[in-house]
Amino acid sequence: RSAGDEWLFEGPATYIPKIEEAIIEEICATVLRPNTGLLLRARSACKNRMGTYREAGEEWLHVGQGAYLPGVEEEIVRTVEAQILTPSRAISVEAVRGFVDVFGTRRAAGQQWLVTAAMTEAYLLGPHEKFIRDVHLTVLGPSQFCVVVDPWRDGRHLLGQRELRRGRTQFFLSPGERLEAGISDVFVLEADEALLLTATEGFVDVDPNGNKVHRCPGDRWMIYGPQEYVPSVHLTVVERRNSIALDKNEGIYVRDMKSGTVRSVMGETYMLAPDEELWEKPLPPLVLEKLQALPRDNKVRAVAPRDPTRVVTYNVPHNCV
């Protein structure tokens, strides 16, 4: 032995001190339970107890069960508890430096990935890994859909793109993915309902007859019920419309958004076209006062407020001109 050398005297045995030696400390073995590990660090260049060469300052994870007594050139950094994974829980992990993980995949510094129960039931984070967050299972029912922003496809991260996913399905959101507007229900349209749609980008659509239709950005069209409808990622649902039922003495003002012309529709059930909207007819205050005036009899105590999109009507009492 040279001056300054350090070594372990391991039991079971009886140690008799010598005048050339000094006891630095007593070291007790660490007992590892299932799903636990030890994060170790090399105090200097050496071979660990498993026979692997380690550089000074290098850290590694020791996995196993039972008692572990660190070597004289090893120190225990901390005990690592395993992350328990279930079919509905995964974890997002990030590499703090380049390395090869326990599954044999090379990871670059800053890369993030998912560890799921399909890969392992319990996962011990190594010295080159950092826990990011829990990821819970996203479940879509048969009448639900969602839009995933920045999806992963075929091992590539498609930044700036969106992907439509419809149930019934379940999945974990990969690192970098997010839901645009959460989970939405499929639009269920009745016979008197329709959806007004507008294209946000050019794409090829299919009409109800199965024909291909090229949609340009800004195009407006409608989908009529009865049917179920899931909007594409290339369009936006502007509004949900209902047919307007009109009696023979009722009507509405309809404005063409392209030409600006206004016309009245009376005595029929009418659904606004994609380029039409209800028009509000302004009235002078005096005319509005006369229309909303109470009748002379006291049977009616209140008059409903005027709908400016309805055709102006005036109820003439009997035997009056």
C-alpha atoms as a PDB file:
ATOM      1  CA  ARG A   1       0.000   0.000   0.000  1.00  0.00           C
ATOM      2  CA  SER A   2       1.122   3.537  -0.731  1.00  0.00           C
ATOM      3  CA  ALA A   3       0.456   6.505   1.498  1.00  0.00           C
ATOM      4  CA  GLY A   4      -3.077   7.803   0.833  1.00  0.00           C
ATOM      5  CA  ASP A   5      -4.426   4.545  -0.605  1.00  0.00           C
ATOM      6  CA  GLU A   6      -7.988   3.708   0.344  1.00  0.00           C
ATOM      7  CA  TRP A   7      -9.575   0.266   0.299  1.00  0.00           C
ATOM      8  CA  LEU A   8     -12.430  -1.687   1.794  1.00  0.00           C
ATOM      9  CA  PHE A   9     -12.189  -4.373   4.374  1.00  0.00           C
ATOM     10  CA  GLU A  10     -15.358  -6.375   3.845  1.00  0.00           C
ATOM     11  CA  GLY A  11     -17.011  -8.695   6.292  1.00  0.00           C
ATOM     12  CA  PRO A  12     -17.860 -11.087   7.600  1.00  0.00           C
ATOM     13  CA  ALA A  13     -14.405 -10.980   9.185  1.00  0.00           C
ATOM     14  CA  THR A  14     -12.518  -9.636  12.207  1.00  0.00           C
ATOM     15  CA  TYR A  15     -10.434  -6.535  11.585  1.00  0.00           C
ATOM     16  CA  ILE A  16      -7.369  -5.818  13.716  1.00  0.00           C
ATOM     17  CA  PRO A  17      -6.143  -2.247  13.224  1.00  0.00           C
ATOM     18  CA  LYS A  18      -2.534  -1.531  12.369  1.00  0.00           C
ATOM     19  CA  ILE A  19      -0.524   1.545  13.226  1.00  0.00           C
ATOM     20  CA  GLU A  20      -0.001   2.233   9.486  1.00  0.00           C
ATOM     21  CA  GLU A  21      -3.761   2.366   8.848  1.00  0.00           C
ATOM     22  CA  ALA A  22      -6.610   4.681   9.831  1.00  0.00           C
ATOM     23  CA  ILE A  23     -10.307   3.830   9.781  1.00  0.00           C
ATOM     24  CA  ILE A  24     -12.121   6.507   7.783  1.00  0.00           C
ATOM     25  CA  GLU A  25     -15.699   5.313   8.217  1.00  0.00           C
ATOM     26  CA  GLU A  26     -17.894   2.285   8.470  1.00  0.00           C
ATOM     27  CA  ILE A  27     -20.020   1.627   5.396  1.00  0.00           C
ATOM     28  CA  CYS A  28     -23.228  -0.363   5.544  1.00  0.00           C
ATOM     29  CA  ALA A  29     -24.753  -2.056   2.543  1.00  0.00           C
ATOM     30  CA  THR A  30     -27.865  -0.483   1.011  1.00  0.00           C
ATOM     31  CA  VAL A  31     -30.783  -2.875   0.660  1.00  0.00           C
ATOM     32  CA  LEU A  32     -32.654  -2.455  -2.618  1.00  0.00           C
ATOM     33  CA  ARG A  33     -36.337  -3.260  -2.711  1.00  0.00           C
ATOM     34  CA  PRO A  34     -38.234  -4.178  -5.889  1.00  0.00           C
ATOM     35  CA  ASN A  35     -38.649  -1.253  -8.315  1.00  0.00           C
ATOM     36  CA  THR A  36     -35.806   0.731  -6.770  1.00  0.00           C
ATOM     37  CA  GLY A  37     -32.270   1.473  -7.910  1.00  0.00           C
ATOM     38  CA  LEU A  38     -29.112   3.267  -6.816  1.00  0.00           C
ATOM     39  CA  LEU A  39     -27.634   6.219  -8.657  1.00  0.00           C
ATOM     40  CA  LEU A  40     -23.871   5.902  -8.245  1.00  0.00           C
ATOM     41  CA  ARG A  41     -20.953   8.212  -9.087  1.00  0.00           C
ATOM     42  CA  ALA A  42     -17.297   7.351  -9.644  1.00  0.00           C
ATOM     43  CA  ARG A  43     -14.957   9.337  -7.379  1.00  0.00           C
ATOM     44  CA  SER A  44     -12.066   8.528  -9.736  1.00  0.00           C
ATOM     45  CA  ALA A  45     -11.400   6.383 -12.787  1.00  0.00           C
ATOM     46  CA  CYS A  46     -12.025   2.782 -11.770  1.00  0.00           C
ATOM     47  CA  LYS A  47     -13.869  -0.449 -12.435  1.00  0.00           C
ATOM     48  CA  ASN A  48     -17.110  -0.830 -10.567  1.00  0.00           C
ATOM     49  CA  ARG A  49     -18.267  -3.992  -8.872  1.00  0.00           C
ATOM     50  CA  MET A  50     -19.829  -5.200 -12.129  1.00  0.00           C
ATOM     51  CA  GLY A  51     -16.456  -4.946 -13.866  1.00  0.00           C
ATOM     52  CA  THR A  52     -17.365  -1.933 -16.019  1.00  0.00           C
ATOM     53  CA  TYR A  53     -14.783   0.814 -16.412  1.00  0.00           C
ATOM     54  CA  ARG A  54     -15.999   4.208 -15.207  1.00  0.00           C
ATOM     55  CA  GLU A  55     -14.513   7.647 -15.715  1.00  0.00           C
ATOM     56  CA  ALA A  56     -14.094  10.071 -12.806  1.00  0.00           C
ATOM     57  CA  GLY A  57     -17.429  11.829 -12.163  1.00  0.00           C
ATOM     58  CA  GLU A  58     -19.402   9.406 -14.325  1.00  0.00           C
ATOM     59  CA  GLU A  59     -22.826   8.422 -13.016  1.00  0.00           C
ATOM     60  CA  TRP A  60     -24.731   5.210 -13.626  1.00  0.00           C
ATOM     61  CA  LEU A  61     -27.759   3.378 -12.324  1.00  0.00           C
ATOM     62  CA  HIS A  62     -27.450   0.113 -10.444  1.00  0.00           C
ATOM     63  CA  VAL A  63     -30.579  -2.030 -10.705  1.00  0.00           C
ATOM     64  CA  GLY A  64     -31.181  -5.171  -8.705  1.00  0.00           C
ATOM     65  CA  GLN A  65     -32.567  -6.552  -5.491  1.00  0.00           C
ATOM     66  CA  GLY A  66     -30.781  -7.236  -2.230  1.00  0.00           C
ATOM     67  CA  ALA A  67     -27.846  -5.607  -0.462  1.00  0.00           C
ATOM     68  CA  TYR A  68     -25.335  -3.503  -2.389  1.00  0.00           C
ATOM     69  CA  LEU A  69     -22.030  -2.343  -0.896  1.00  0.00           C
ATOM     70  CA  PRO A  70     -20.456   0.460  -2.963  1.00  0.00           C
ATOM     71  CA  GLY A  71     -16.775   0.158  -3.849  1.00  0.00           C
ATOM     72  CA  VAL A  72     -14.110   2.409  -2.430  1.00  0.00           C
ATOM     73  CA  GLU A  73     -14.158   4.556  -5.598  1.00  0.00           C
ATOM     74  CA  GLU A  74     -17.946   4.713  -5.710  1.00  0.00           C
ATOM     75  CA  GLU A  75     -20.378   6.961  -3.900  1.00  0.00           C
ATOM     76  CA  ILE A  76     -24.147   6.793  -3.638  1.00  0.00           C
ATOM     77  CA  VAL A  77     -25.878   9.852  -5.074  1.00  0.00           C
ATOM     78  CA  ARG A  78     -29.439   8.860  -4.213  1.00  0.00           C
ATOM     79  CA  THR A  79     -31.991   6.079  -4.277  1.00  0.00           C
ATOM     80  CA  VAL A  80     -34.224   6.103  -7.347  1.00  0.00           C
ATOM     81  CA  GLU A  81     -37.851   5.007  -7.147  1.00  0.00           C
ATOM     82  CA  ALA A  82     -39.402   3.496 -10.267  1.00  0.00           C
ATOM     83  CA  GLN A  83     -42.258   5.187 -12.100  1.00  0.00           C
ATOM     84  CA  ILE A  84     -45.199   2.754 -12.120  1.00  0.00           C
ATOM     85  CA  LEU A  85     -46.950   2.727 -15.487  1.00  0.00           C
ATOM     86  CA  THR A  86     -50.512   1.615 -16.166  1.00  0.00           C
ATOM     87  CA  PRO A  87     -52.602   1.267 -19.341  1.00  0.00           C
ATOM     88  CA  SER A  88     -53.971   4.766 -18.679  1.00  0.00           C
ATOM     89  CA  ARG A  89     -50.742   6.451 -17.514  1.00  0.00           C
ATOM     90  CA  ALA A  90     -47.476   7.095 -19.325  1.00  0.00           C
ATOM     91  CA  ILE A  91     -44.552   9.422 -18.623  1.00  0.00           C
ATOM     92  CA  SER A  92     -42.726  11.928 -20.797  1.00  0.00           C
ATOM     93  CA  VAL A  93     -38.940  11.720 -20.479  1.00  0.00           C
ATOM     94  CA  GLU A  94     -36.197  14.039 -21.768  1.00  0.00           C
ATOM     95  CA  ALA A  95     -32.529  13.243 -22.394  1.00  0.00           C
ATOM     96  CA  VAL A  96     -30.135  15.649 -20.675  1.00  0.00           C
ATOM     97  CA  ARG A  97     -27.270  14.360 -22.844  1.00  0.00           C
ATOM     98  CA  GLY A  98     -26.813  11.880 -25.659  1.00  0.00           C
ATOM     99  CA  PHE A  99     -26.909   8.205 -24.657  1.00  0.00           C
ATOM    100  CA  VAL A 100     -28.426   4.808 -25.472  1.00  0.00           C
ATOM    101  CA  ASP A 101     -31.451   3.990 -23.310  1.00  0.00           C
ATOM    102  CA  VAL A 102     -32.362   0.653 -21.756  1.00  0.00           C
ATOM    103  CA  PHE A 103     -34.411  -0.243 -24.852  1.00  0.00           C
ATOM    104  CA  GLY A 104     -31.382   0.124 -27.125  1.00  0.00           C
ATOM    105  CA  THR A 105     -32.531   3.386 -28.738  1.00  0.00           C
ATOM    106  CA  ARG A 106     -30.030   6.212 -29.146  1.00  0.00           C
ATOM    107  CA  ARG A 107     -31.318   9.467 -27.681  1.00  0.00           C
ATOM    108  CA  ALA A 108     -29.998  12.947 -28.491  1.00  0.00           C
ATOM    109  CA  ALA A 109     -29.647  15.704 -25.905  1.00  0.00           C
ATOM    110  CA  GLY A 110     -32.988  17.468 -25.473  1.00  0.00           C
ATOM    111  CA  GLN A 111     -34.988  14.692 -27.162  1.00  0.00           C
ATOM    112  CA  GLN A 112     -38.284  13.772 -25.517  1.00  0.00           C
ATOM    113  CA  TRP A 113     -40.207  10.516 -25.774  1.00  0.00           C
ATOM    114  CA  LEU A 114     -42.963   8.528 -24.107  1.00  0.00           C
ATOM    115  CA  VAL A 115     -42.546   5.491 -21.902  1.00  0.00           C
ATOM    116  CA  THR A 116     -45.756   3.454 -21.721  1.00  0.00           C
ATOM    117  CA  ALA A 117     -46.944   0.310 -19.984  1.00  0.00           C
ATOM    118  CA  ALA A 118     -46.580  -1.551 -23.296  1.00  0.00           C
ATOM    119  CA  MET A 119     -42.804  -1.010 -22.980  1.00  0.00           C
ATOM    120  CA  THR A 120     -42.392  -1.752 -19.266  1.00  0.00           C
ATOM    121  CA  GLU A 121     -44.505  -1.847 -16.116  1.00  0.00           C
ATOM    122  CA  ALA A 122     -41.996   0.056 -13.968  1.00  0.00           C
ATOM    123  CA  TYR A 123     -39.372   2.484 -15.278  1.00  0.00           C
ATOM    124  CA  LEU A 124     -36.259   3.681 -13.463  1.00  0.00           C
ATOM    125  CA  LEU A 125     -34.956   7.030 -14.682  1.00  0.00           C
ATOM    126  CA  GLY A 126     -31.256   6.878 -15.476  1.00  0.00           C
ATOM    127  CA  PRO A 127     -28.641   9.582 -14.815  1.00  0.00           C
ATOM    128  CA  HIS A 128     -29.070  10.968 -18.361  1.00  0.00           C
ATOM    129  CA  GLU A 129     -32.864  11.208 -18.191  1.00  0.00           C
ATOM    130  CA  LYS A 130     -35.218  13.782 -16.723  1.00  0.00           C
ATOM    131  CA  PHE A 131     -38.860  13.294 -15.835  1.00  0.00           C
ATOM    132  CA  ILE A 132     -41.062  15.859 -17.616  1.00  0.00           C
ATOM    133  CA  ARG A 133     -44.680  15.063 -16.792  1.00  0.00           C
ATOM    134  CA  ASP A 134     -47.375  12.439 -16.529  1.00  0.00           C
ATOM    135  CA  VAL A 135     -49.344  11.753 -19.703  1.00  0.00           C
ATOM    136  CA  HIS A 136     -52.845  10.384 -19.271  1.00  0.00           C
ATOM    137  CA  LEU A 137     -54.693   8.317 -21.836  1.00  0.00           C
ATOM    138  CA  THR A 138     -56.979  10.240 -24.189  1.00  0.00           C
ATOM    139  CA  VAL A 139     -60.157   8.255 -24.873  1.00  0.00           C
ATOM    140  CA  LEU A 140     -62.590   9.111 -27.686  1.00  0.00           C
ATOM    141  CA  GLY A 141     -66.084   7.645 -27.760  1.00  0.00           C
ATOM    142  CA  PRO A 142     -67.886   6.624 -30.968  1.00  0.00           C
ATOM    143  CA  SER A 143     -69.496  10.081 -31.252  1.00  0.00           C
ATOM    144  CA  GLN A 144     -66.430  12.159 -30.420  1.00  0.00           C
ATOM    145  CA  PHE A 145     -63.457  13.608 -32.278  1.00  0.00           C
ATOM    146  CA  CYS A 146     -60.458  15.833 -31.647  1.00  0.00           C
ATOM    147  CA  VAL A 147     -57.793  17.747 -33.578  1.00  0.00           C
ATOM    148  CA  VAL A 148     -54.147  17.157 -32.650  1.00  0.00           C
ATOM    149  CA  VAL A 149     -51.753  20.043 -33.317  1.00  0.00           C
ATOM    150  CA  ASP A 150     -48.115  19.311 -34.300  1.00  0.00           C
ATOM    151  CA  PRO A 151     -48.659  15.532 -34.586  1.00  0.00           C
ATOM    152  CA  TRP A 152     -46.041  12.804 -34.900  1.00  0.00           C
ATOM    153  CA  ARG A 153     -46.356  10.630 -38.023  1.00  0.00           C
ATOM    154  CA  ASP A 154     -43.968   7.910 -39.191  1.00  0.00           C
ATOM    155  CA  GLY A 155     -41.326   9.045 -36.713  1.00  0.00           C
ATOM    156  CA  ARG A 156     -41.440  12.691 -37.844  1.00  0.00           C
ATOM    157  CA  HIS A 157     -42.715  15.680 -35.889  1.00  0.00           C
ATOM    158  CA  LEU A 158     -45.001  17.607 -38.272  1.00  0.00           C
ATOM    159  CA  LEU A 159     -44.781  21.119 -36.846  1.00  0.00           C
ATOM    160  CA  GLY A 160     -47.560  23.476 -37.905  1.00  0.00           C
ATOM    161  CA  GLN A 161     -49.842  20.685 -39.109  1.00  0.00           C
ATOM    162  CA  ARG A 162     -53.095  19.359 -37.654  1.00  0.00           C
ATOM    163  CA  GLU A 163     -54.510  15.866 -37.572  1.00  0.00           C
ATOM    164  CA  LEU A 164     -58.132  14.773 -37.122  1.00  0.00           C
ATOM    165  CA  ARG A 165     -58.748  11.750 -34.892  1.00  0.00           C
ATOM    166  CA  ARG A 166     -62.209  10.246 -34.496  1.00  0.00           C
ATOM    167  CA  GLY A 167     -63.447   7.667 -32.009  1.00  0.00           C
ATOM    168  CA  ARG A 168     -63.748   4.989 -31.041  1.00  0.00           C
ATOM    169  CA  THR A 169     -60.027   5.142 -30.184  1.00  0.00           C
ATOM    170  CA  GLN A 170     -57.552   5.825 -27.410  1.00  0.00           C
ATOM    171  CA  PHE A 171     -54.009   7.184 -27.484  1.00  0.00           C
ATOM    172  CA  PHE A 172     -51.304   9.034 -25.573  1.00  0.00           C
ATOM    173  CA  LEU A 173     -50.282  12.490 -26.742  1.00  0.00           C
ATOM    174  CA  SER A 174     -46.631  12.345 -27.776  1.00  0.00           C
ATOM    175  CA  PRO A 175     -44.207  15.075 -26.617  1.00  0.00           C
ATOM    176  CA  GLY A 176     -44.968  18.280 -28.488  1.00  0.00           C
ATOM    177  CA  GLU A 177     -48.522  17.287 -29.380  1.00  0.00           C
ATOM    178  CA  ARG A 178     -51.572  19.061 -27.964  1.00  0.00           C
ATOM    179  CA  LEU A 179     -55.317  19.095 -28.465  1.00  0.00           C
ATOM    180  CA  GLU A 180     -56.530  22.158 -30.337  1.00  0.00           C
ATOM    181  CA  ALA A 181     -59.917  22.487 -28.643  1.00  0.00           C
ATOM    182  CA  GLY A 182     -60.187  19.436 -26.412  1.00  0.00           C
ATOM    183  CA  ILE A 183     -62.589  16.606 -27.198  1.00  0.00           C
ATOM    184  CA  SER A 184     -65.679  17.570 -29.210  1.00  0.00           C
ATOM    185  CA  ASP A 185     -68.916  15.777 -30.029  1.00  0.00           C
ATOM    186  CA  VAL A 186     -69.825  14.863 -33.589  1.00  0.00           C
ATOM    187  CA  PHE A 187     -72.348  17.256 -35.147  1.00  0.00           C
ATOM    188  CA  VAL A 188     -75.716  15.482 -35.324  1.00  0.00           C
ATOM    189  CA  LEU A 189     -77.975  17.335 -37.757  1.00  0.00           C
ATOM    190  CA  GLU A 190     -81.730  16.916 -37.951  1.00  0.00           C
ATOM    191  CA  ALA A 191     -83.761  17.303 -41.135  1.00  0.00           C
ATOM    192  CA  ASP A 192     -84.295  21.038 -40.548  1.00  0.00           C
ATOM    193  CA  GLU A 193     -80.685  21.824 -39.599  1.00  0.00           C
ATOM    194  CA  ALA A 194     -77.516  22.648 -41.519  1.00  0.00           C
ATOM    195  CA  LEU A 195     -73.910  23.694 -40.899  1.00  0.00           C
ATOM    196  CA  LEU A 196     -72.341  26.720 -42.577  1.00  0.00           C
ATOM    197  CA  LEU A 197     -68.706  25.927 -43.406  1.00  0.00           C
ATOM    198  CA  THR A 198     -65.801  27.971 -44.738  1.00  0.00           C
ATOM    199  CA  ALA A 199     -62.488  26.670 -46.074  1.00  0.00           C
ATOM    200  CA  THR A 200     -59.335  27.874 -44.309  1.00  0.00           C
ATOM    201  CA  GLU A 201     -57.026  26.321 -46.919  1.00  0.00           C
ATOM    202  CA  GLY A 202     -57.316  24.693 -50.306  1.00  0.00           C
ATOM    203  CA  PHE A 203     -58.250  21.010 -50.367  1.00  0.00           C
ATOM    204  CA  VAL A 204     -60.258  18.437 -52.288  1.00  0.00           C
ATOM    205  CA  ASP A 205     -63.645  17.714 -50.713  1.00  0.00           C
ATOM    206  CA  VAL A 206     -66.321  15.124 -51.492  1.00  0.00           C
ATOM    207  CA  ASP A 207     -69.943  16.223 -51.865  1.00  0.00           C
ATOM    208  CA  PRO A 208     -72.970  14.145 -50.707  1.00  0.00           C
ATOM    209  CA  ASN A 209     -73.131  12.511 -54.174  1.00  0.00           C
ATOM    210  CA  GLY A 210     -69.547  11.265 -53.914  1.00  0.00           C
ATOM    211  CA  ASN A 211     -68.124  13.760 -56.415  1.00  0.00           C
ATOM    212  CA  LYS A 212     -64.814  15.474 -55.775  1.00  0.00           C
ATOM    213  CA  VAL A 213     -65.000  19.240 -55.237  1.00  0.00           C
ATOM    214  CA  HIS A 214     -61.986  21.536 -55.057  1.00  0.00           C
ATOM    215  CA  ARG A 215     -62.387  24.024 -52.207  1.00  0.00           C
ATOM    216  CA  CYS A 216     -60.458  27.304 -52.200  1.00  0.00           C
ATOM    217  CA  PRO A 217     -59.641  29.363 -49.079  1.00  0.00           C
ATOM    218  CA  GLY A 218     -62.665  31.472 -48.184  1.00  0.00           C
ATOM    219  CA  ASP A 219     -65.227  29.269 -49.956  1.00  0.00           C
ATOM    220  CA  ARG A 220     -68.533  28.917 -48.111  1.00  0.00           C
ATOM    221  CA  TRP A 221     -70.943  26.002 -48.378  1.00  0.00           C
ATOM    222  CA  MET A 222     -73.450  24.121 -46.277  1.00  0.00           C
ATOM    223  CA  ILE A 223     -73.946  20.579 -45.054  1.00  0.00           C
ATOM    224  CA  TYR A 224     -77.607  19.633 -44.638  1.00  0.00           C
ATOM    225  CA  GLY A 225     -79.174  17.086 -42.291  1.00  0.00           C
ATOM    226  CA  PRO A 226     -80.162  14.533 -41.359  1.00  0.00           C
ATOM    227  CA  GLN A 227     -76.648  13.124 -40.873  1.00  0.00           C
ATOM    228  CA  GLU A 228     -73.614  13.009 -38.615  1.00  0.00           C
ATOM    229  CA  TYR A 229     -70.756  15.310 -39.585  1.00  0.00           C
ATOM    230  CA  VAL A 230     -67.124  15.573 -38.482  1.00  0.00           C
ATOM    231  CA  PRO A 231     -65.426  18.762 -39.757  1.00  0.00           C
ATOM    232  CA  SER A 232     -62.104  18.416 -41.558  1.00  0.00           C
ATOM    233  CA  VAL A 233     -58.957  20.202 -40.397  1.00  0.00           C
ATOM    234  CA  HIS A 234     -59.095  22.280 -43.604  1.00  0.00           C
ATOM    235  CA  LEU A 235     -62.298  24.134 -42.689  1.00  0.00           C
ATOM    236  CA  THR A 236     -64.103  26.002 -39.941  1.00  0.00           C
ATOM    237  CA  VAL A 237     -67.699  25.632 -38.804  1.00  0.00           C
ATOM    238  CA  VAL A 238     -69.127  29.173 -38.964  1.00  0.00           C
ATOM    239  CA  GLU A 239     -72.541  28.502 -37.451  1.00  0.00           C
ATOM    240  CA  ARG A 240     -75.368  26.038 -37.071  1.00  0.00           C
ATOM    241  CA  ARG A 241     -78.530  27.035 -38.933  1.00  0.00           C
ATOM    242  CA  ASN A 242     -82.166  26.009 -38.603  1.00  0.00           C
ATOM    243  CA  SER A 243     -84.960  26.243 -41.139  1.00  0.00           C
ATOM    244  CA  ILE A 244     -87.233  29.220 -40.477  1.00  0.00           C
ATOM    245  CA  ALA A 245     -90.929  28.287 -40.570  1.00  0.00           C
ATOM    246  CA  LEU A 246     -93.104  31.200 -41.773  1.00  0.00           C
ATOM    247  CA  ASP A 247     -96.878  31.524 -41.786  1.00  0.00           C
ATOM    248  CA  LYS A 248     -98.692  33.138 -44.733  1.00  0.00           C
ATOM    249  CA  ASN A 249     -98.643  36.471 -42.877  1.00  0.00           C
ATOM    250  CA  GLU A 250     -95.031  36.195 -41.722  1.00  0.00           C
ATOM    251  CA  GLY A 251     -91.822  36.939 -43.519  1.00  0.00           C
ATOM    252  CA  ILE A 252     -88.103  37.631 -43.133  1.00  0.00           C
ATOM    253  CA  TYR A 253     -85.607  39.956 -44.806  1.00  0.00           C
ATOM    254  CA  VAL A 254     -82.785  38.109 -46.586  1.00  0.00           C
ATOM    255  CA  ARG A 255     -79.639  39.842 -47.856  1.00  0.00           C
ATOM    256  CA  ASP A 256     -77.365  38.423 -50.550  1.00  0.00           C
ATOM    257  CA  MET A 257     -73.799  38.920 -49.275  1.00  0.00           C
ATOM    258  CA  LYS A 258     -72.329  38.985 -52.810  1.00  0.00           C
ATOM    259  CA  SER A 259     -74.679  41.449 -54.525  1.00  0.00           C
ATOM    260  CA  GLY A 260     -76.016  43.247 -51.452  1.00  0.00           C
ATOM    261  CA  THR A 261     -79.639  42.969 -52.605  1.00  0.00           C
ATOM    262  CA  VAL A 262     -82.306  42.519 -49.968  1.00  0.00           C
ATOM    263  CA  ARG A 263     -85.536  40.616 -50.531  1.00  0.00           C
ATOM    264  CA  SER A 264     -88.391  39.372 -48.414  1.00  0.00           C
ATOM    265  CA  VAL A 265     -89.408  35.732 -48.076  1.00  0.00           C
ATOM    266  CA  MET A 266     -92.948  35.033 -46.874  1.00  0.00           C
ATOM    267  CA  GLY A 267     -95.247  32.117 -46.199  1.00  0.00           C
ATOM    268  CA  GLU A 268     -92.796  29.202 -46.494  1.00  0.00           C
ATOM    269  CA  THR A 269     -90.181  27.265 -44.587  1.00  0.00           C
ATOM    270  CA  TYR A 270     -86.859  28.780 -45.606  1.00  0.00           C
ATOM    271  CA  MET A 271     -83.216  27.811 -45.080  1.00  0.00           C
ATOM    272  CA  LEU A 272     -80.637  30.546 -45.685  1.00  0.00           C
ATOM    273  CA  ALA A 273     -78.195  29.839 -48.520  1.00  0.00           C
ATOM    274  CA  PRO A 274     -74.408  29.887 -47.846  1.00  0.00           C
ATOM    275  CA  ASP A 275     -74.092  33.459 -49.184  1.00  0.00           C
ATOM    276  CA  GLU A 276     -77.215  34.799 -47.487  1.00  0.00           C
ATOM    277  CA  GLU A 277     -77.836  36.333 -44.093  1.00  0.00           C
ATOM    278  CA  LEU A 278     -80.764  37.833 -42.209  1.00  0.00           C
ATOM    279  CA  TRP A 279     -81.015  41.586 -42.697  1.00  0.00           C
ATOM    280  CA  GLU A 280     -82.218  43.953 -40.000  1.00  0.00           C
ATOM    281  CA  LYS A 281     -84.578  46.618 -41.317  1.00  0.00           C
ATOM    282  CA  PRO A 282     -84.216  49.967 -39.543  1.00  0.00           C
ATOM    283  CA  LEU A 283     -87.380  51.908 -38.756  1.00  0.00           C
ATOM    284  CA  PRO A 284     -87.900  55.535 -37.708  1.00  0.00           C
ATOM    285  CA  PRO A 285     -88.687  55.964 -34.015  1.00  0.00           C
ATOM    286  CA  LEU A 286     -92.211  57.209 -34.749  1.00  0.00           C
ATOM    287  CA  VAL A 287     -93.063  54.139 -36.867  1.00  0.00           C
ATOM    288  CA  LEU A 288     -91.559  51.838 -34.256  1.00  0.00           C
ATOM    289  CA  GLU A 289     -93.645  53.516 -31.568  1.00  0.00           C
ATOM    290  CA  LYS A 290     -96.842  53.011 -33.560  1.00  0.00           C
ATOM    291  CA  LEU A 291     -96.061  49.331 -34.211  1.00  0.00           C
ATOM    292  CA  GLN A 292     -95.424  48.665 -30.537  1.00  0.00           C
ATOM    293  CA  ALA A 293     -98.352  50.698 -29.230  1.00  0.00           C
ATOM    294  CA  LEU A 294    -100.820  48.839 -27.004  1.00  0.00           C
ATOM    295  CA  PRO A 295    -104.286  48.162 -28.460  1.00  0.00           C
ATOM    296  CA  ARG A 296    -107.268  49.961 -27.014  1.00  0.00           C
ATOM    297  CA  ASP A 297    -108.741  46.936 -25.258  1.00  0.00           C
ATOM    298  CA  ASN A 298    -107.182  45.916 -21.969  1.00  0.00           C
ATOM    299  CA  LYS A 299    -106.944  42.209 -22.720  1.00  0.00           C
ATOM    300  CA  VAL A 300    -103.358  42.469 -23.969  1.00  0.00           C
ATOM    301  CA  ARG A 301    -101.065  44.075 -21.422  1.00  0.00           C
ATOM    302  CA  ALA A 302     -97.727  43.816 -23.258  1.00  0.00           C
ATOM    303  CA  VAL A 303     -96.366  43.658 -26.774  1.00  0.00           C
ATOM    304  CA  ALA A 304     -93.375  41.493 -27.669  1.00  0.00           C
ATOM    305  CA  PRO A 305     -90.293  43.453 -28.783  1.00  0.00           C
ATOM    306  CA  ARG A 306     -89.898  43.749 -32.538  1.00  0.00           C
ATOM    307  CA  ASP A 307     -87.543  41.398 -34.393  1.00  0.00           C
ATOM    308  CA  PRO A 308     -85.787  43.665 -36.964  1.00  0.00           C
ATOM    309  CA  THR A 309     -85.213  40.710 -39.326  1.00  0.00           C
ATOM    310  CA  ARG A 310     -88.970  40.039 -39.639  1.00  0.00           C
ATOM    311  CA  VAL A 311     -91.068  41.669 -42.351  1.00  0.00           C
ATOM    312  CA  VAL A 312     -92.929  44.667 -40.945  1.00  0.00           C
ATOM    313  CA  THR A 313     -96.591  43.849 -40.349  1.00  0.00           C
ATOM    314  CA  TYR A 314     -99.407  45.778 -38.738  1.00  0.00           C
ATOM    315  CA  ASN A 315    -102.515  44.138 -37.366  1.00  0.00           C
ATOM    316  CA  VAL A 316    -105.564  46.120 -38.517  1.00  0.00           C
ATOM    317  CA  PRO A 317    -108.558  45.755 -36.177  1.00  0.00           C
ATOM    318  CA  HIS A 318    -111.856  44.492 -37.515  1.00  0.00           C
ATOM    319  CA  ASN A 319    -113.996  47.035 -39.460  1.00  0.00           C
ATOM    320  CA  CYS A 320    -111.052  49.418 -39.734  1.00  0.00           C
ATOM    321  CA  VAL A 321    -109.327  50.847 -42.768  1.00  0.00           C
END
